[in-house]
Amino acid sequence: MKKRVVSTLLITTMLTSMLAGCGKTAGHGGAVNEDGIKEFTAFFAVPGTEINDDNEVQQLIAEKTGCKVKETWLTGQTAEEAVGTFIAGGEYPDFIDGGNGSVQLYEAGALVALDDYIDKYPNIKEFFTDQEWDAIRQDDGHIYWIPQFTNIYGEERECTQNGEAFWIQTRVLEWAGYPEVRTMDQYFDLIEAYNEANPTMEDGTENIPYTILCDDWRYFCLENAPQFLDGYPNDGSVIVDPETQKIIDYNTTDTAVAYFKKLNEEYKKGIVDQESFTQTYDEYIAKLSTGRVLGMIDQWWDFAYNAEDAIKSAGLDKQGCQYVPLPITIDESITNQWHNSGGELNVSSGLAITTSCEDVEGALQFVNDLLGQEVHDLRFWGVEGVDYVVGDDGMFSRTQEMRNNASDTAYKASHLCSYSYFPQWVGTSRDGKNAMRPDGQEDEFYDGLSDSVKNCFAAYGVKTYVEMLGTSPAPGPWYPMYTFSNSMTTSTPGGTAWTLMGETKHQYLPKVVMADDFDAAWDEYMEAYNACHPEDFLSEMQTELDRRIEEAAKYE
């Protein structure tokens, strides 16, 4: 767990810089609106929801910092396609997170090197340790982006399982008397039994026992479960054996065969959603939002802030349609590692400033200000007295009306502004009491749960989603390895193999799940998979694993 202690001098410096903001003047040529607010643009290569132009919290942040950002999100393209369009045109927004296309932006010379700037902005400087900043450097030795997520300030405070899990609705567990569910077979047996006894929702809508998201890069919901089922954490693209420190290919293990064979069996029974392999992400979220889907594999962040909010807004939480994670492995002898303590530094992408930005210092000052505590509270807690209240003990909490507002789509668009793809803290506030975000505030988190989730937690003797799974320490300095594979390009044999492996899995895994003859389909898939030369990919991953271990030793 990362611990950060900030000196009184540094706190004073940060507060002073925050209040100074990025200034009310044009600086180096940034556009200034009629209110004297400097306006920047940003593009994030993921789907997202734009807020209203007159968003109230965004305006408050603008008044405190002197800056405002118009955010746009990915629509109708892959990240690589969107980035390619920018590169072809030669014009960019001021800020960008290119996602899987970040390396393309770097190679095209579209990004500003940040090395000479970082020391000028104390909130940005403290965002990472020297070791972490070094890990973000590209092969030319410079830093071009700032990873935004899972960075822990002070004590770790985590109530939700933000990552991947087998999720199940509380109504299924309640119906079965809250049984212990540890294995993949037990999970599907339970869903089958519930759906046979309760084929519809209360209004007669037919249940969908299990669905799979496979759209574009989100096909991790289908393909990477074998690593978790074997009790390993989310290295994403490979397994790392912590004892031997060797790379293992989870795509070809016995557990991978058993997992996909199980999906094949469930598909033939009608348990797996027949639309799984054709639905878009939006269609998947719409389906979850109806409360019809009993279970799925996904990452919490991928569905919670839209589908879960929609379920609560529609009152479907009262029917037990919310999801909780289960500690599923391939058999009961294996301890799960779905949840790990500590942050995950994803060096493969982050918030960057482009060469089209005419005021790099003003842009970085805005990022610095967003990390100041007062503005950070505005981003994630909202407005005191409107979105949360402060008790005599200094602790933040919300009324039920405030919680309902925070889940309401219209309210979020008109009032709340988290600048969600800018750098942000999790963990503990600089006041040493409150969590940086409401979902980490233990009492507030629990008080805000629906009765169905509280009853479920009580039955299992827990008070958070994390406790449903348990917590394992981060496995080693290499973790997570997906931060390297995500940055691979076809300029190396391993990168070429990685691209081909992904294309092959996209093509063949749906066929494997739907096949009449699983064994024949699996053999055909393995033949195509081996033709991609996965050994080239695995070799480069091993080299990177060894490098990370060696680099970490320098800081011991």
Protein backbone atom coordinates (compact mmCIF):
# COMPACT_ATOMS: atom_id res chain seq x y z
CA MET A 1 0.00 0.00 0.00
CA LYS A 2 1.41 3.36 -0.95
CA LYS A 3 1.67 5.90 1.85
CA ARG A 4 2.15 9.55 1.10
CA VAL A 5 3.00 12.10 3.78
CA VAL A 6 2.77 15.72 2.73
CA SER A 7 4.65 18.39 4.63
CA THR A 8 2.99 21.54 5.93
CA LEU A 9 5.09 23.55 3.51
CA LEU A 10 3.96 21.48 0.54
CA ILE A 11 0.31 21.68 1.60
CA THR A 12 0.64 25.47 1.81
CA THR A 13 2.26 25.55 -1.62
CA MET A 14 -0.47 23.39 -3.11
CA LEU A 15 -3.28 25.46 -1.66
CA THR A 16 -1.64 28.67 -2.84
CA SER A 17 -1.24 27.33 -6.37
CA MET A 18 -4.79 26.00 -6.37
CA LEU A 19 -6.26 29.35 -5.38
CA ALA A 20 -4.10 31.14 -7.90
CA GLY A 21 -5.57 28.87 -10.56
CA CYS A 22 -4.41 29.11 -14.13
CA GLY A 23 -5.12 32.80 -14.13
CA LYS A 24 -7.69 35.01 -15.72
CA THR A 25 -5.43 36.15 -18.52
CA ALA A 26 -4.72 34.70 -21.92
CA GLY A 27 -1.24 33.57 -20.92
CA HIS A 28 0.41 32.08 -23.98
CA GLY A 29 -2.60 32.44 -26.24
CA GLY A 30 -5.21 30.12 -24.76
CA ALA A 31 -8.77 31.09 -25.68
CA VAL A 32 -10.45 33.18 -22.98
CA ASN A 33 -14.24 33.51 -22.96
CA GLU A 34 -16.28 36.58 -22.13
CA ASP A 35 -16.19 35.71 -18.43
CA GLY A 36 -12.42 35.68 -18.42
CA ILE A 37 -12.30 31.87 -18.17
CA LYS A 38 -9.61 30.11 -20.17
CA GLU A 39 -11.13 27.35 -22.30
CA PHE A 40 -9.38 24.13 -23.28
CA THR A 41 -10.54 21.11 -25.28
CA ALA A 42 -10.09 17.42 -24.52
CA PHE A 43 -10.74 14.12 -26.30
CA PHE A 44 -10.83 10.75 -24.58
CA ALA A 45 -10.72 7.60 -26.71
CA VAL A 46 -13.40 5.81 -24.70
CA PRO A 47 -17.18 6.16 -24.80
CA GLY A 48 -18.45 8.74 -22.33
CA THR A 49 -21.26 11.12 -21.55
CA GLU A 50 -20.94 14.82 -22.19
CA ILE A 51 -22.22 17.18 -19.54
CA ASN A 52 -24.37 20.27 -20.14
CA ASP A 53 -22.63 23.46 -21.21
CA ASP A 54 -24.01 25.24 -18.15
CA ASN A 55 -23.06 22.48 -15.72
CA GLU A 56 -23.04 23.99 -12.24
CA VAL A 57 -20.03 22.28 -10.67
CA GLN A 58 -17.97 22.78 -13.82
CA GLN A 59 -18.69 26.49 -13.52
CA LEU A 60 -17.67 26.50 -9.86
CA ILE A 61 -14.41 24.78 -10.76
CA ALA A 62 -13.88 27.35 -13.50
CA GLU A 63 -14.35 30.17 -11.02
CA LYS A 64 -11.76 28.65 -8.68
CA THR A 65 -9.19 27.73 -11.33
CA GLY A 66 -9.87 30.19 -14.14
CA CYS A 67 -10.14 27.27 -16.55
CA LYS A 68 -12.77 25.11 -18.20
CA VAL A 69 -12.46 22.08 -20.48
CA LYS A 70 -14.88 20.97 -23.18
CA GLU A 71 -14.70 17.18 -23.16
CA THR A 72 -15.56 14.93 -26.09
CA TRP A 73 -15.62 11.15 -26.18
CA LEU A 74 -15.28 8.24 -28.57
CA THR A 75 -18.30 7.52 -30.77
CA GLY A 76 -18.57 5.04 -33.62
CA GLN A 77 -14.84 4.33 -33.91
CA THR A 78 -12.10 2.37 -32.20
CA ALA A 79 -9.49 4.30 -30.28
CA GLU A 80 -6.93 3.57 -32.98
CA GLU A 81 -9.26 4.82 -35.71
CA ALA A 82 -10.04 8.04 -33.86
CA VAL A 83 -6.38 8.70 -33.14
CA GLY A 84 -5.50 7.95 -36.76
CA THR A 85 -8.01 10.58 -37.90
CA PHE A 86 -6.39 13.19 -35.67
CA ILE A 87 -2.92 12.27 -36.90
CA ALA A 88 -4.00 12.45 -40.55
CA GLY A 89 -5.46 15.92 -40.01
CA GLY A 90 -2.54 17.20 -37.95
CA GLU A 91 -4.83 19.09 -35.56
CA TYR A 92 -5.50 17.95 -32.01
CA PRO A 93 -7.46 18.97 -28.92
CA ASP A 94 -5.42 20.51 -26.10
CA PHE A 95 -5.72 17.38 -23.92
CA ILE A 96 -5.98 13.81 -25.14
CA ASP A 97 -6.04 10.29 -23.80
CA GLY A 98 -5.59 8.09 -26.85
CA GLY A 99 -6.22 4.81 -25.01
CA ASN A 100 -4.90 1.98 -27.14
CA GLY A 101 -3.84 4.59 -29.71
CA SER A 102 -1.53 6.46 -27.33
CA VAL A 103 1.63 4.98 -28.82
CA GLN A 104 0.46 6.13 -32.26
CA LEU A 105 0.26 9.70 -30.95
CA TYR A 106 3.71 9.43 -29.42
CA GLU A 107 5.24 8.02 -32.59
CA ALA A 108 3.56 10.74 -34.66
CA GLY A 109 5.18 13.46 -32.54
CA ALA A 110 1.76 14.76 -31.50
CA LEU A 111 2.46 14.98 -27.76
CA VAL A 112 4.36 17.46 -25.60
CA ALA A 113 7.16 16.07 -23.43
CA LEU A 114 6.30 16.94 -19.85
CA ASP A 115 9.68 16.41 -18.14
CA ASP A 116 10.68 20.05 -17.94
CA TYR A 117 7.31 21.06 -16.51
CA ILE A 118 6.47 18.54 -13.79
CA ASP A 119 8.63 20.03 -11.04
CA LYS A 120 6.81 23.37 -11.41
CA TYR A 121 3.47 21.89 -10.33
CA PRO A 122 3.57 20.40 -6.79
CA ASN A 123 0.25 18.54 -7.00
CA ILE A 124 1.35 16.87 -10.23
CA LYS A 125 4.85 16.19 -8.92
CA GLU A 126 3.57 14.37 -5.84
CA PHE A 127 1.11 12.34 -7.89
CA PHE A 128 3.83 9.73 -8.48
CA THR A 129 7.05 8.68 -6.79
CA ASP A 130 10.31 9.08 -8.71
CA GLN A 131 10.22 5.36 -9.44
CA GLU A 132 6.72 5.64 -10.86
CA TRP A 133 7.57 8.69 -12.98
CA ASP A 134 10.52 6.76 -14.39
CA ALA A 135 8.23 3.86 -15.25
CA ILE A 136 6.08 6.19 -17.37
CA ARG A 137 8.98 7.31 -19.58
CA GLN A 138 8.93 6.26 -23.21
CA ASP A 139 11.88 4.77 -25.04
CA ASP A 140 13.26 8.25 -25.78
CA GLY A 141 13.50 8.90 -22.05
CA HIS A 142 10.66 11.44 -21.86
CA ILE A 143 7.28 11.51 -20.14
CA TYR A 144 4.32 12.22 -22.43
CA TRP A 145 1.25 11.29 -20.40
CA ILE A 146 0.00 11.08 -16.85
CA PRO A 147 -1.90 7.89 -15.93
CA GLN A 148 -5.01 9.09 -14.15
CA PHE A 149 -6.46 6.23 -12.13
CA THR A 150 -6.11 4.07 -8.97
CA ASN A 151 -3.54 6.38 -7.40
CA ILE A 152 -3.79 6.09 -3.62
CA TYR A 153 -3.30 9.07 -1.32
CA GLY A 154 -2.60 8.18 2.30
CA GLU A 155 -4.49 5.15 3.59
CA GLU A 156 -6.23 2.97 1.02
CA ARG A 157 -10.03 3.20 1.24
CA GLU A 158 -11.83 0.80 -1.05
CA CYS A 159 -15.36 -0.51 -0.66
CA THR A 160 -16.12 -1.49 -4.25
CA GLN A 161 -14.42 -4.14 -6.34
CA ASN A 162 -13.55 -1.77 -9.17
CA GLY A 163 -12.02 -4.50 -11.27
CA GLU A 164 -13.23 -7.72 -12.82
CA ALA A 165 -15.42 -10.39 -11.21
CA PHE A 166 -18.19 -12.89 -11.75
CA TRP A 167 -21.21 -10.75 -10.79
CA ILE A 168 -24.61 -12.03 -9.71
CA GLN A 169 -27.84 -10.31 -8.71
CA THR A 170 -28.77 -10.31 -5.05
CA ARG A 171 -32.22 -11.76 -5.82
CA VAL A 172 -30.56 -14.97 -7.03
CA LEU A 173 -28.55 -15.35 -3.83
CA GLU A 174 -31.53 -14.49 -1.61
CA TRP A 175 -33.73 -17.06 -3.36
CA ALA A 176 -31.11 -19.76 -2.74
CA GLY A 177 -30.64 -18.82 0.93
CA TYR A 178 -27.30 -17.09 0.38
CA PRO A 179 -25.23 -20.20 -0.34
CA GLU A 180 -21.45 -20.34 -0.52
CA VAL A 181 -20.55 -20.07 -4.22
CA ARG A 182 -16.88 -20.71 -4.87
CA THR A 183 -16.51 -22.40 -8.24
CA MET A 184 -17.51 -21.75 -11.82
CA ASP A 185 -19.73 -24.84 -11.84
CA GLN A 186 -21.52 -23.76 -8.65
CA TYR A 187 -22.08 -20.31 -10.12
CA PHE A 188 -23.75 -21.59 -13.27
CA ASP A 189 -25.69 -24.28 -11.37
CA LEU A 190 -27.17 -21.54 -9.20
CA ILE A 191 -28.12 -19.32 -12.14
CA GLU A 192 -29.71 -22.28 -13.94
CA ALA A 193 -31.73 -23.29 -10.89
CA TYR A 194 -32.94 -19.76 -10.21
CA ASN A 195 -33.93 -19.12 -13.79
CA GLU A 196 -35.84 -22.41 -13.99
CA ALA A 197 -37.82 -21.49 -10.86
CA ASN A 198 -38.11 -17.76 -11.72
CA PRO A 199 -37.99 -17.31 -15.51
CA THR A 200 -39.33 -13.75 -15.39
CA MET A 201 -39.09 -10.53 -13.43
CA GLU A 202 -42.02 -9.28 -11.34
CA ASP A 203 -43.60 -7.56 -14.35
CA GLY A 204 -43.34 -10.67 -16.52
CA THR A 205 -40.18 -9.61 -18.41
CA GLU A 206 -38.12 -12.66 -19.31
CA ASN A 207 -34.79 -12.99 -17.50
CA ILE A 208 -31.46 -13.28 -19.31
CA PRO A 209 -29.48 -15.74 -17.19
CA TYR A 210 -25.98 -14.79 -18.38
CA THR A 211 -24.65 -12.40 -20.99
CA ILE A 212 -21.18 -11.71 -22.34
CA LEU A 213 -19.79 -8.40 -23.57
CA CYS A 214 -17.49 -8.87 -26.57
CA ASP A 215 -17.61 -5.47 -28.25
CA ASP A 216 -14.20 -4.23 -29.48
CA TRP A 217 -11.54 -4.06 -26.72
CA ARG A 218 -14.09 -5.01 -24.07
CA TYR A 219 -13.93 -8.66 -25.13
CA PHE A 220 -11.85 -9.16 -21.98
CA CYS A 221 -15.28 -10.03 -20.51
CA LEU A 222 -15.05 -13.23 -22.55
CA GLU A 223 -11.40 -14.05 -22.96
CA ASN A 224 -9.36 -13.41 -19.82
CA ALA A 225 -11.28 -15.30 -17.13
CA PRO A 226 -8.87 -18.28 -17.08
CA GLN A 227 -6.20 -16.25 -15.29
CA PHE A 228 -8.63 -15.44 -12.45
CA LEU A 229 -10.10 -18.94 -12.33
CA ASP A 230 -6.61 -20.29 -11.67
CA GLY A 231 -6.22 -17.87 -8.76
CA TYR A 232 -4.02 -15.26 -10.39
CA PRO A 233 -4.54 -11.48 -10.35
CA ASN A 234 -5.29 -9.25 -13.32
CA ASP A 235 -2.00 -9.12 -15.21
CA GLY A 236 -4.40 -8.90 -18.13
CA SER A 237 -2.54 -10.53 -21.00
CA VAL A 238 -0.53 -13.26 -19.30
CA ILE A 239 -0.11 -15.10 -16.03
CA VAL A 240 3.06 -14.47 -14.01
CA ASP A 241 4.11 -17.33 -11.77
CA PRO A 242 5.29 -15.46 -8.65
CA GLU A 243 7.53 -18.35 -7.56
CA THR A 244 9.42 -18.92 -10.81
CA GLN A 245 8.85 -15.40 -12.20
CA LYS A 246 8.02 -16.95 -15.55
CA ILE A 247 5.31 -15.99 -18.03
CA ILE A 248 2.43 -18.43 -18.59
CA ASP A 249 -0.06 -18.23 -21.45
CA TYR A 250 -3.54 -18.40 -19.90
CA ASN A 251 -5.14 -18.94 -23.31
CA THR A 252 -3.94 -22.54 -23.53
CA THR A 253 -4.21 -23.87 -19.97
CA ASP A 254 -6.43 -26.74 -18.92
CA THR A 255 -8.55 -24.17 -17.09
CA ALA A 256 -9.04 -22.22 -20.33
CA VAL A 257 -10.37 -25.37 -21.98
CA ALA A 258 -12.68 -26.09 -19.04
CA TYR A 259 -13.99 -22.50 -18.95
CA PHE A 260 -14.84 -22.28 -22.63
CA LYS A 261 -16.31 -25.77 -22.60
CA LYS A 262 -18.57 -24.65 -19.75
CA LEU A 263 -19.68 -21.58 -21.73
CA ASN A 264 -20.37 -23.86 -24.68
CA GLU A 265 -22.55 -26.11 -22.53
CA GLU A 266 -24.42 -23.15 -21.06
CA TYR A 267 -24.94 -21.65 -24.51
CA LYS A 268 -26.51 -24.89 -25.73
CA LYS A 269 -28.82 -24.87 -22.70
CA GLY A 270 -29.95 -21.31 -23.49
CA ILE A 271 -28.35 -19.90 -20.33
CA VAL A 272 -25.83 -17.77 -22.23
CA ASP A 273 -27.50 -14.87 -24.03
CA GLN A 274 -27.81 -15.71 -27.72
CA GLU A 275 -27.05 -12.05 -28.58
CA SER A 276 -23.78 -12.02 -26.65
CA PHE A 277 -21.51 -11.98 -29.67
CA THR A 278 -23.39 -9.40 -31.71
CA GLN A 279 -24.46 -6.84 -29.10
CA THR A 280 -22.73 -3.49 -28.86
CA TYR A 281 -21.57 -1.98 -25.60
CA ASP A 282 -24.55 0.39 -25.58
CA GLU A 283 -26.94 -2.52 -26.14
CA TYR A 284 -25.25 -4.46 -23.35
CA ILE A 285 -25.59 -1.56 -20.91
CA ALA A 286 -29.23 -1.06 -21.92
CA LYS A 287 -29.84 -4.76 -21.28
CA LEU A 288 -28.25 -4.66 -17.82
CA SER A 289 -30.16 -1.47 -17.02
CA THR A 290 -33.48 -3.32 -17.36
CA GLY A 291 -32.53 -5.64 -14.48
CA ARG A 292 -33.08 -8.73 -16.65
CA VAL A 293 -29.51 -10.07 -16.58
CA LEU A 294 -28.82 -12.41 -13.67
CA GLY A 295 -25.05 -12.57 -14.05
CA MET A 296 -21.98 -11.74 -16.12
CA ILE A 297 -18.23 -11.18 -15.99
CA ASP A 298 -17.19 -7.54 -16.21
CA GLN A 299 -15.19 -4.83 -14.53
CA TRP A 300 -17.18 -2.68 -12.09
CA TRP A 301 -16.20 0.59 -13.74
CA ASP A 302 -17.49 -0.74 -17.06
CA PHE A 303 -21.12 -0.99 -15.94
CA ALA A 304 -21.62 0.52 -12.47
CA TYR A 305 -21.84 4.19 -13.37
CA ASN A 306 -24.49 3.66 -16.01
CA ALA A 307 -26.31 0.32 -15.63
CA GLU A 308 -26.16 0.17 -11.82
CA ASP A 309 -27.27 3.79 -11.59
CA ALA A 310 -30.14 3.06 -14.00
CA ILE A 311 -31.21 0.07 -11.91
CA LYS A 312 -31.33 2.25 -8.79
CA SER A 313 -33.11 5.11 -10.58
CA ALA A 314 -35.79 2.71 -11.82
CA GLY A 315 -36.33 1.26 -8.34
CA LEU A 316 -35.18 -2.17 -9.50
CA ASP A 317 -32.81 -2.38 -6.55
CA LYS A 318 -35.93 -3.14 -4.49
CA GLN A 319 -36.38 -6.28 -6.61
CA GLY A 320 -32.80 -7.42 -5.93
CA CYS A 321 -31.48 -6.56 -9.37
CA GLN A 322 -28.16 -5.11 -8.19
CA TYR A 323 -24.92 -7.04 -8.59
CA VAL A 324 -22.42 -8.37 -6.08
CA PRO A 325 -19.13 -10.16 -6.86
CA LEU A 326 -18.39 -13.78 -5.98
CA PRO A 327 -14.95 -15.35 -5.28
CA ILE A 328 -15.10 -17.78 -8.21
CA THR A 329 -12.22 -20.10 -9.12
CA ILE A 330 -12.02 -23.29 -11.14
CA ASP A 331 -12.16 -25.44 -7.98
CA GLU A 332 -12.36 -24.90 -4.24
CA SER A 333 -8.67 -25.69 -3.63
CA ILE A 334 -7.69 -22.39 -5.28
CA THR A 335 -7.74 -19.05 -3.47
CA ASN A 336 -9.07 -16.23 -5.64
CA GLN A 337 -7.14 -13.04 -6.40
CA TRP A 338 -9.84 -10.98 -8.08
CA HIS A 339 -9.03 -8.06 -5.79
CA ASN A 340 -5.55 -6.78 -4.98
CA SER A 341 -4.54 -4.01 -2.63
CA GLY A 342 -2.59 -1.03 -3.92
CA GLY A 343 -3.02 0.91 -7.15
CA GLU A 344 -2.28 -0.30 -10.65
CA LEU A 345 0.03 2.01 -12.59
CA ASN A 346 -1.06 1.71 -16.22
CA VAL A 347 1.93 3.14 -18.05
CA SER A 348 0.48 2.40 -21.50
CA SER A 349 -1.74 5.50 -21.66
CA GLY A 350 -2.86 8.58 -19.76
CA LEU A 351 -3.70 12.24 -20.02
CA ALA A 352 -1.42 14.00 -22.51
CA ILE A 353 -1.06 17.53 -23.83
CA THR A 354 -0.80 17.84 -27.60
CA THR A 355 1.36 20.00 -29.80
CA SER A 356 -1.79 21.91 -30.80
CA CYS A 357 -2.11 23.32 -27.28
CA GLU A 358 -0.98 26.96 -27.27
CA ASP A 359 -0.75 27.20 -23.49
CA VAL A 360 0.98 24.13 -22.10
CA GLU A 361 1.72 25.78 -18.76
CA GLY A 362 -1.89 26.89 -18.37
CA ALA A 363 -3.07 23.39 -19.19
CA LEU A 364 -0.75 21.84 -16.62
CA GLN A 365 -1.75 24.43 -14.03
CA PHE A 366 -5.35 23.29 -14.52
CA VAL A 367 -4.36 19.66 -13.95
CA ASN A 368 -2.45 20.76 -10.85
CA ASP A 369 -5.51 22.63 -9.57
CA LEU A 370 -7.80 19.65 -10.15
CA LEU A 371 -5.63 17.67 -7.73
CA GLY A 372 -5.91 20.29 -4.99
CA GLN A 373 -8.17 19.10 -2.19
CA GLU A 374 -10.90 21.77 -2.49
CA VAL A 375 -11.36 21.23 -6.20
CA HIS A 376 -10.98 17.46 -5.84
CA ASP A 377 -13.84 17.50 -3.32
CA LEU A 378 -15.96 19.46 -5.80
CA ARG A 379 -15.22 16.89 -8.50
CA PHE A 380 -16.16 13.81 -6.53
CA TRP A 381 -18.26 14.90 -3.55
CA GLY A 382 -19.96 17.89 -5.16
CA VAL A 383 -21.15 21.03 -3.39
CA GLU A 384 -21.28 21.09 0.39
CA GLY A 385 -24.86 21.43 1.60
CA VAL A 386 -26.21 20.38 -1.80
CA ASP A 387 -24.49 17.06 -2.55
CA TYR A 388 -23.10 16.19 0.88
CA VAL A 389 -23.12 17.42 4.46
CA VAL A 390 -20.31 17.74 6.98
CA GLY A 391 -20.89 16.46 10.51
CA ASP A 392 -19.58 17.99 13.72
CA ASP A 393 -16.77 15.45 13.54
CA GLY A 394 -15.77 16.69 10.09
CA MET A 395 -16.96 13.54 8.33
CA PHE A 396 -18.75 13.81 4.98
CA SER A 397 -22.06 12.02 4.41
CA ARG A 398 -25.09 12.25 2.14
CA THR A 399 -28.83 12.06 2.62
CA GLN A 400 -30.77 9.53 0.60
CA GLU A 401 -32.00 12.33 -1.66
CA MET A 402 -28.40 13.33 -2.32
CA ARG A 403 -27.51 9.74 -3.17
CA ASN A 404 -30.47 9.49 -5.51
CA ASN A 405 -29.39 12.68 -7.24
CA ALA A 406 -25.86 11.33 -7.68
CA SER A 407 -27.33 8.36 -9.60
CA ASP A 408 -29.71 10.42 -11.73
CA THR A 409 -28.61 10.91 -15.34
CA ALA A 410 -30.16 14.35 -15.76
CA TYR A 411 -28.79 15.60 -12.44
CA LYS A 412 -25.30 14.40 -13.29
CA ALA A 413 -25.39 16.15 -16.67
CA SER A 414 -26.61 19.47 -15.29
CA HIS A 415 -24.85 19.62 -11.94
CA LEU A 416 -21.94 17.21 -11.37
CA CYS A 417 -18.54 17.47 -13.05
CA SER A 418 -15.88 14.98 -12.02
CA TYR A 419 -13.54 15.58 -14.98
CA SER A 420 -13.40 11.82 -14.86
CA TYR A 421 -10.50 11.28 -17.27
CA PHE A 422 -8.21 13.81 -15.61
CA PRO A 423 -5.79 12.67 -12.86
CA GLN A 424 -7.53 11.89 -9.59
CA TRP A 425 -6.85 10.41 -6.19
CA VAL A 426 -8.43 7.52 -4.35
CA GLY A 427 -7.61 6.79 -0.74
CA THR A 428 -7.82 9.29 2.10
CA SER A 429 -8.32 13.05 1.88
CA ARG A 430 -5.62 15.43 3.04
CA ASP A 431 -7.77 16.03 6.14
CA GLY A 432 -6.84 12.51 7.26
CA LYS A 433 -10.50 11.62 7.85
CA ASN A 434 -12.59 11.48 4.73
CA ALA A 435 -12.18 9.35 1.66
CA MET A 436 -11.21 11.08 -1.57
CA ARG A 437 -14.43 9.76 -3.12
CA PRO A 438 -17.83 8.81 -1.66
CA ASP A 439 -17.47 5.18 -2.73
CA GLY A 440 -14.47 4.88 -0.40
CA GLN A 441 -16.20 6.41 2.64
CA GLU A 442 -17.06 3.30 4.61
CA ASP A 443 -20.08 4.53 6.59
CA GLU A 444 -21.43 6.60 3.72
CA PHE A 445 -20.95 3.68 1.34
CA TYR A 446 -22.81 1.27 3.59
CA ASP A 447 -25.60 3.71 4.48
CA GLY A 448 -26.22 4.27 0.79
CA LEU A 449 -26.70 0.59 -0.05
CA SER A 450 -30.11 -0.75 -0.92
CA ASP A 451 -31.77 -3.12 1.53
CA SER A 452 -31.25 -6.02 -0.87
CA VAL A 453 -27.47 -5.50 -0.90
CA LYS A 454 -27.35 -4.89 2.87
CA ASN A 455 -29.26 -8.13 3.48
CA CYS A 456 -26.87 -9.96 1.18
CA PHE A 457 -23.82 -8.54 2.94
CA ALA A 458 -25.29 -9.40 6.34
CA ALA A 459 -25.83 -12.99 5.25
CA TYR A 460 -22.19 -13.32 4.23
CA GLY A 461 -20.85 -11.34 7.20
CA VAL A 462 -19.38 -8.48 5.17
CA LYS A 463 -19.99 -4.75 4.71
CA THR A 464 -18.32 -4.06 1.33
CA TYR A 465 -17.97 -5.54 -2.13
CA VAL A 466 -14.26 -5.99 -1.49
CA GLU A 467 -14.97 -8.18 1.54
CA MET A 468 -17.11 -10.44 -0.65
CA LEU A 469 -13.90 -11.41 -2.44
CA GLY A 470 -11.15 -10.75 0.09
CA THR A 471 -7.99 -8.77 -0.63
CA SER A 472 -4.62 -10.03 -1.77
CA PRO A 473 -1.43 -7.96 -1.82
CA ALA A 474 -0.09 -6.88 -5.20
CA PRO A 475 2.01 -9.83 -6.40
CA GLY A 476 5.22 -8.05 -7.34
CA PRO A 477 6.90 -5.07 -9.00
CA TRP A 478 5.93 -6.26 -12.45
CA TYR A 479 2.22 -5.95 -11.79
CA PRO A 480 0.21 -5.46 -13.94
CA MET A 481 1.77 -6.76 -17.14
CA TYR A 482 -1.08 -5.54 -19.35
CA THR A 483 0.42 -2.08 -19.07
CA PHE A 484 3.20 -3.32 -21.36
CA SER A 485 1.16 -5.42 -23.77
CA ASN A 486 -1.27 -2.52 -24.22
CA SER A 487 1.56 -0.45 -25.66
CA MET A 488 2.82 -3.08 -28.11
CA THR A 489 2.82 -2.30 -31.83
CA THR A 490 3.49 -4.37 -34.91
CA SER A 491 7.03 -2.99 -35.06
CA THR A 492 8.25 -6.08 -33.18
CA PRO A 493 7.60 -9.81 -33.70
CA GLY A 494 5.94 -9.98 -30.28
CA GLY A 495 3.72 -7.02 -31.03
CA THR A 496 2.73 -8.52 -34.36
CA ALA A 497 1.92 -11.82 -32.65
CA TRP A 498 -0.11 -9.96 -29.99
CA THR A 499 -2.19 -8.24 -32.66
CA LEU A 500 -2.80 -11.50 -34.50
CA MET A 501 -3.66 -13.31 -31.27
CA GLY A 502 -6.28 -10.70 -30.47
CA GLU A 503 -7.80 -10.90 -33.93
CA THR A 504 -7.86 -14.68 -33.75
CA LYS A 505 -9.54 -14.71 -30.33
CA HIS A 506 -12.14 -12.24 -31.54
CA GLN A 507 -12.88 -14.47 -34.51
CA TYR A 508 -12.75 -17.92 -32.96
CA LEU A 509 -13.87 -17.71 -29.32
CA PRO A 510 -17.52 -16.91 -30.18
CA LYS A 511 -17.44 -19.88 -32.56
CA VAL A 512 -16.02 -22.07 -29.79
CA VAL A 513 -18.80 -21.06 -27.41
CA MET A 514 -21.54 -21.62 -30.01
CA ALA A 515 -20.10 -24.79 -31.59
CA ASP A 516 -22.08 -28.01 -31.88
CA ASP A 517 -18.82 -29.93 -31.48
CA PHE A 518 -16.72 -28.14 -28.86
CA ASP A 519 -13.62 -30.33 -29.17
CA ALA A 520 -13.41 -29.85 -32.94
CA ALA A 521 -13.98 -26.11 -32.62
CA TRP A 522 -11.31 -25.82 -29.92
CA ASP A 523 -8.79 -27.73 -32.04
CA GLU A 524 -9.51 -25.42 -34.98
CA TYR A 525 -9.07 -22.39 -32.71
CA MET A 526 -5.78 -23.68 -31.31
CA GLU A 527 -4.43 -24.30 -34.81
CA ALA A 528 -5.22 -20.72 -35.79
CA TYR A 529 -3.90 -19.40 -32.47
CA ASN A 530 -0.57 -21.21 -32.75
CA ALA A 531 -0.17 -19.86 -36.29
CA CYS A 532 0.05 -16.38 -34.73
CA HIS A 533 3.39 -17.34 -33.14
CA PRO A 534 2.37 -16.58 -29.56
CA GLU A 535 5.86 -17.64 -28.51
CA ASP A 536 7.15 -14.32 -29.90
CA PHE A 537 4.72 -12.41 -27.72
CA LEU A 538 5.46 -14.50 -24.65
CA SER A 539 9.20 -14.03 -25.15
CA GLU A 540 8.89 -10.23 -25.25
CA MET A 541 6.62 -10.32 -22.19
CA GLN A 542 9.26 -12.37 -20.36
CA THR A 543 11.91 -9.83 -21.29
CA GLU A 544 9.74 -7.02 -19.94
CA LEU A 545 8.98 -8.97 -16.77
CA ASP A 546 12.69 -9.45 -16.15
CA ARG A 547 13.33 -5.75 -16.86
CA ARG A 548 10.68 -4.61 -14.39
CA ILE A 549 12.04 -6.83 -11.65
CA GLU A 550 15.57 -5.54 -12.32
CA GLU A 551 14.43 -1.88 -12.35
CA ALA A 552 12.50 -2.26 -9.12
CA ALA A 553 15.59 -3.65 -7.41
CA LYS A 554 17.33 -0.30 -7.99
CA TYR A 555 14.86 1.40 -5.63
CA GLU A 556 15.02 -1.15 -2.83
